Amino acid sequence: MAAAPISIPEAQEAQVRDLRRLIQRREARLVGPDGREIAIPEPVHELLLLILNNLQSGNAISIVPEHRQLTTQRAANILGVSRPFLVRLVEDGDIPFHMVGSHRRIYLRDLLDYKRRRDAARHEAINDMARSEMEAGTYDSVVLPEGAEDE
């Protein structure tokens, strides 16, 4: 079960800012109750920095294991699409799923993999459009449809 998202109260914003600066400079170390110090492992360092950057920007944080099973509604909400659209993606084989009784379930890692592919394809399409406009010499000019000048 996922815990509620965590956000930082205004009174602790300065502490978060100072901690983020400390982590960015790689000066932070973990200190045990016996005083023993260890360096923060790189993956943990990157995660802490990501968390602190988001918290400082005012974004709430939730940490969910990638093997977490999602309902189709929850998966649709994460992607920002309707549930029927998501079900179509699942049925078309774009996103792997499995059945739990009579209900479809999607692993978070599979959903995030689809989201990365979708976002990369969108980014590439935008780059292609910009490249075409640059080649045509119309990238920074307004092109009106025929007859628009008459209106």
C-alpha atoms as a PDB file:
ATOM      1  CA  MET A   1       0.000   0.000   0.000  1.00  0.00           C
ATOM      2  CA  ALA A   2       1.344   3.437  -0.933  1.00  0.00           C
ATOM      3  CA  ALA A   3       1.535   6.100   1.731  1.00  0.00           C
ATOM      4  CA  ALA A   4      -0.013   9.511   1.214  1.00  0.00           C
ATOM      5  CA  PRO A   5       2.134  11.998  -0.725  1.00  0.00           C
ATOM      6  CA  ILE A   6       4.597  13.936   1.402  1.00  0.00           C
ATOM      7  CA  SER A   7       5.091  17.685   1.180  1.00  0.00           C
ATOM      8  CA  ILE A   8       7.168  20.081   3.259  1.00  0.00           C
ATOM      9  CA  PRO A   9       5.542  22.673   5.543  1.00  0.00           C
ATOM     10  CA  GLU A  10       6.623  26.279   4.904  1.00  0.00           C
ATOM     11  CA  ALA A  11       8.364  26.411   8.285  1.00  0.00           C
ATOM     12  CA  GLN A  12      10.844  23.747   7.106  1.00  0.00           C
ATOM     13  CA  GLU A  13      11.579  25.139   3.624  1.00  0.00           C
ATOM     14  CA  ALA A  14      14.930  26.587   4.739  1.00  0.00           C
ATOM     15  CA  GLN A  15      16.016  23.209   6.114  1.00  0.00           C
ATOM     16  CA  VAL A  16      15.100  21.503   2.820  1.00  0.00           C
ATOM     17  CA  ARG A  17      17.030  24.150   0.857  1.00  0.00           C
ATOM     18  CA  ASP A  18      20.115  23.698   3.072  1.00  0.00           C
ATOM     19  CA  LEU A  19      19.917  19.909   2.872  1.00  0.00           C
ATOM     20  CA  ARG A  20      19.603  20.027  -0.941  1.00  0.00           C
ATOM     21  CA  ARG A  21      22.703  22.241  -1.163  1.00  0.00           C
ATOM     22  CA  LEU A  22      24.612  19.862   1.089  1.00  0.00           C
ATOM     23  CA  ILE A  23      23.576  16.826  -0.976  1.00  0.00           C
ATOM     24  CA  GLN A  24      24.399  18.614  -4.246  1.00  0.00           C
ATOM     25  CA  ARG A  25      27.954  19.237  -3.030  1.00  0.00           C
ATOM     26  CA  ARG A  26      28.227  15.557  -2.080  1.00  0.00           C
ATOM     27  CA  GLU A  27      29.177  16.530   1.469  1.00  0.00           C
ATOM     28  CA  ALA A  28      26.332  14.640   3.133  1.00  0.00           C
ATOM     29  CA  ARG A  29      27.115  11.421   4.961  1.00  0.00           C
ATOM     30  CA  LEU A  30      24.991   9.018   6.965  1.00  0.00           C
ATOM     31  CA  VAL A  31      25.847   8.800  10.654  1.00  0.00           C
ATOM     32  CA  GLY A  32      24.676   5.813  12.697  1.00  0.00           C
ATOM     33  CA  PRO A  33      23.696   5.897  16.374  1.00  0.00           C
ATOM     34  CA  ASP A  34      27.195   4.646  17.234  1.00  0.00           C
ATOM     35  CA  GLY A  35      28.789   7.604  15.394  1.00  0.00           C
ATOM     36  CA  ARG A  36      29.962   5.469  12.460  1.00  0.00           C
ATOM     37  CA  GLU A  37      29.816   7.416   9.173  1.00  0.00           C
ATOM     38  CA  ILE A  38      29.271   6.035   5.696  1.00  0.00           C
ATOM     39  CA  ALA A  39      29.058   7.688   2.300  1.00  0.00           C
ATOM     40  CA  ILE A  40      25.655   7.875   0.655  1.00  0.00           C
ATOM     41  CA  PRO A  41      25.550   5.375  -2.243  1.00  0.00           C
ATOM     42  CA  GLU A  42      25.142   7.010  -5.681  1.00  0.00           C
ATOM     43  CA  PRO A  43      21.600   5.688  -6.384  1.00  0.00           C
ATOM     44  CA  VAL A  44      20.437   6.899  -2.958  1.00  0.00           C
ATOM     45  CA  HIS A  45      22.194  10.231  -3.528  1.00  0.00           C
ATOM     46  CA  GLU A  46      20.376  10.710  -6.860  1.00  0.00           C
ATOM     47  CA  LEU A  47      17.033   9.765  -5.290  1.00  0.00           C
ATOM     48  CA  LEU A  48      17.519  12.161  -2.368  1.00  0.00           C
ATOM     49  CA  LEU A  49      18.415  14.979  -4.753  1.00  0.00           C
ATOM     50  CA  LEU A  50      15.346  14.275  -6.893  1.00  0.00           C
ATOM     51  CA  ILE A  51      13.121  14.235  -3.810  1.00  0.00           C
ATOM     52  CA  LEU A  52      14.594  17.437  -2.396  1.00  0.00           C
ATOM     53  CA  ASN A  53      14.385  19.295  -5.739  1.00  0.00           C
ATOM     54  CA  ASN A  54      10.706  18.372  -6.049  1.00  0.00           C
ATOM     55  CA  LEU A  55       9.904  19.242  -2.445  1.00  0.00           C
ATOM     56  CA  GLN A  56      11.651  22.592  -2.790  1.00  0.00           C
ATOM     57  CA  SER A  57       9.588  23.272  -5.936  1.00  0.00           C
ATOM     58  CA  GLY A  58       6.427  22.653  -3.910  1.00  0.00           C
ATOM     59  CA  ASN A  59       5.659  19.248  -5.435  1.00  0.00           C
ATOM     60  CA  ALA A  60       4.407  16.465  -3.182  1.00  0.00           C
ATOM     61  CA  ILE A  61       6.340  13.181  -3.403  1.00  0.00           C
ATOM     62  CA  SER A  62       5.169   9.571  -3.409  1.00  0.00           C
ATOM     63  CA  ILE A  63       7.500   6.608  -3.636  1.00  0.00           C
ATOM     64  CA  VAL A  64       5.920   3.503  -5.106  1.00  0.00           C
ATOM     65  CA  PRO A  65       7.647   0.184  -5.865  1.00  0.00           C
ATOM     66  CA  GLU A  66       7.861  -0.487  -9.609  1.00  0.00           C
ATOM     67  CA  HIS A  67       6.242  -3.916  -9.150  1.00  0.00           C
ATOM     68  CA  ARG A  68       3.122  -2.219  -7.768  1.00  0.00           C
ATOM     69  CA  GLN A  69      -0.036  -3.385  -9.544  1.00  0.00           C
ATOM     70  CA  LEU A  70      -2.362  -0.656 -10.785  1.00  0.00           C
ATOM     71  CA  THR A  71      -6.015  -0.716 -11.717  1.00  0.00           C
ATOM     72  CA  THR A  72      -6.834   0.493 -15.210  1.00  0.00           C
ATOM     73  CA  GLN A  73      -8.362   3.660 -13.709  1.00  0.00           C
ATOM     74  CA  ARG A  74      -5.231   4.461 -11.692  1.00  0.00           C
ATOM     75  CA  ALA A  75      -3.026   3.781 -14.734  1.00  0.00           C
ATOM     76  CA  ALA A  76      -5.231   6.037 -16.880  1.00  0.00           C
ATOM     77  CA  ASN A  77      -4.959   8.795 -14.272  1.00  0.00           C
ATOM     78  CA  ILE A  78      -1.154   8.549 -14.273  1.00  0.00           C
ATOM     79  CA  LEU A  79      -1.049   8.860 -18.071  1.00  0.00           C
ATOM     80  CA  GLY A  80      -3.688  11.583 -18.132  1.00  0.00           C
ATOM     81  CA  VAL A  81      -5.996   9.635 -20.444  1.00  0.00           C
ATOM     82  CA  SER A  82      -9.481   8.198 -20.109  1.00  0.00           C
ATOM     83  CA  ARG A  83      -9.949   4.671 -18.796  1.00  0.00           C
ATOM     84  CA  PRO A  84     -11.530   3.475 -22.099  1.00  0.00           C
ATOM     85  CA  PHE A  85      -8.515   4.828 -24.005  1.00  0.00           C
ATOM     86  CA  LEU A  86      -6.130   3.031 -21.645  1.00  0.00           C
ATOM     87  CA  VAL A  87      -8.098  -0.210 -21.989  1.00  0.00           C
ATOM     88  CA  ARG A  88      -7.742   0.117 -25.767  1.00  0.00           C
ATOM     89  CA  LEU A  89      -3.944   0.516 -25.367  1.00  0.00           C
ATOM     90  CA  VAL A  90      -3.876  -2.579 -23.165  1.00  0.00           C
ATOM     91  CA  GLU A  91      -6.031  -4.639 -25.520  1.00  0.00           C
ATOM     92  CA  ASP A  92      -3.914  -3.522 -28.523  1.00  0.00           C
ATOM     93  CA  GLY A  93      -0.811  -4.832 -26.727  1.00  0.00           C
ATOM     94  CA  ASP A  94       0.841  -1.436 -26.227  1.00  0.00           C
ATOM     95  CA  ILE A  95       0.947  -1.944 -22.448  1.00  0.00           C
ATOM     96  CA  PRO A  96       1.361  -5.401 -20.873  1.00  0.00           C
ATOM     97  CA  PHE A  97      -1.261  -6.448 -18.347  1.00  0.00           C
ATOM     98  CA  HIS A  98      -2.400  -9.480 -16.402  1.00  0.00           C
ATOM     99  CA  MET A  99      -5.717 -10.545 -14.977  1.00  0.00           C
ATOM    100  CA  VAL A 100      -6.580 -10.707 -11.291  1.00  0.00           C
ATOM    101  CA  GLY A 101      -9.887 -12.500 -11.304  1.00  0.00           C
ATOM    102  CA  SER A 102     -11.900 -10.629 -13.906  1.00  0.00           C
ATOM    103  CA  HIS A 103      -9.944  -7.370 -13.535  1.00  0.00           C
ATOM    104  CA  ARG A 104      -7.009  -6.116 -15.609  1.00  0.00           C
ATOM    105  CA  ARG A 105      -3.930  -5.062 -13.662  1.00  0.00           C
ATOM    106  CA  ILE A 106      -0.869  -3.224 -14.938  1.00  0.00           C
ATOM    107  CA  TYR A 107       2.537  -3.145 -13.294  1.00  0.00           C
ATOM    108  CA  LEU A 108       3.790   0.380 -12.670  1.00  0.00           C
ATOM    109  CA  ARG A 109       7.110  -0.417 -14.389  1.00  0.00           C
ATOM    110  CA  ASP A 110       5.252  -1.439 -17.583  1.00  0.00           C
ATOM    111  CA  LEU A 111       3.140   1.720 -17.482  1.00  0.00           C
ATOM    112  CA  LEU A 112       6.199   3.927 -16.991  1.00  0.00           C
ATOM    113  CA  ASP A 113       7.992   2.118 -19.826  1.00  0.00           C
ATOM    114  CA  TYR A 114       5.041   2.869 -22.129  1.00  0.00           C
ATOM    115  CA  LYS A 115       5.023   6.502 -20.944  1.00  0.00           C
ATOM    116  CA  ARG A 116       8.748   6.863 -21.747  1.00  0.00           C
ATOM    117  CA  ARG A 117       8.203   5.415 -25.241  1.00  0.00           C
ATOM    118  CA  ARG A 118       5.172   7.659 -25.819  1.00  0.00           C
ATOM    119  CA  ASP A 119       6.997  10.761 -24.627  1.00  0.00           C
ATOM    120  CA  ALA A 120      10.057   9.954 -26.757  1.00  0.00           C
ATOM    121  CA  ALA A 121       7.843   9.504 -29.838  1.00  0.00           C
ATOM    122  CA  ARG A 122       6.124  12.832 -29.144  1.00  0.00           C
ATOM    123  CA  HIS A 123       9.458  14.571 -28.684  1.00  0.00           C
ATOM    124  CA  GLU A 124      10.747  13.124 -31.949  1.00  0.00           C
ATOM    125  CA  ALA A 125       7.580  14.217 -33.793  1.00  0.00           C
ATOM    126  CA  ILE A 126       8.016  17.780 -32.517  1.00  0.00           C
ATOM    127  CA  ASN A 127      11.666  17.760 -33.578  1.00  0.00           C
ATOM    128  CA  ASP A 128      10.674  16.487 -37.030  1.00  0.00           C
ATOM    129  CA  MET A 129       8.095  19.269 -37.414  1.00  0.00           C
ATOM    130  CA  ALA A 130      10.605  21.913 -36.327  1.00  0.00           C
ATOM    131  CA  ARG A 131      13.233  20.478 -38.698  1.00  0.00           C
ATOM    132  CA  SER A 132      10.742  20.567 -41.603  1.00  0.00           C
ATOM    133  CA  GLU A 133       9.809  24.162 -40.838  1.00  0.00           C
ATOM    134  CA  MET A 134      13.476  25.165 -40.614  1.00  0.00           C
ATOM    135  CA  GLU A 135      14.199  23.533 -43.983  1.00  0.00           C
ATOM    136  CA  ALA A 136      11.174  25.261 -45.537  1.00  0.00           C
ATOM    137  CA  GLY A 137      12.273  28.595 -44.044  1.00  0.00           C
ATOM    138  CA  THR A 138       8.958  29.049 -42.244  1.00  0.00           C
ATOM    139  CA  TYR A 139      10.000  28.200 -38.691  1.00  0.00           C
ATOM    140  CA  ASP A 140       9.847  31.755 -37.352  1.00  0.00           C
ATOM    141  CA  SER A 141       7.153  33.176 -39.639  1.00  0.00           C
ATOM    142  CA  VAL A 142       3.385  33.116 -39.439  1.00  0.00           C
ATOM    143  CA  VAL A 143       1.774  31.276 -42.325  1.00  0.00           C
ATOM    144  CA  LEU A 144      -1.914  32.031 -42.732  1.00  0.00           C
ATOM    145  CA  PRO A 145      -4.260  29.650 -44.518  1.00  0.00           C
ATOM    146  CA  GLU A 146      -5.600  30.737 -47.919  1.00  0.00           C
ATOM    147  CA  GLY A 147      -8.344  33.325 -47.604  1.00  0.00           C
ATOM    148  CA  ALA A 148      -7.372  34.260 -44.041  1.00  0.00           C
ATOM    149  CA  GLU A 149      -6.092  37.652 -45.172  1.00  0.00           C
ATOM    150  CA  ASP A 150      -9.643  38.564 -46.272  1.00  0.00           C
ATOM    151  CA  GLU A 151     -11.108  38.187 -42.778  1.00  0.00           C
END
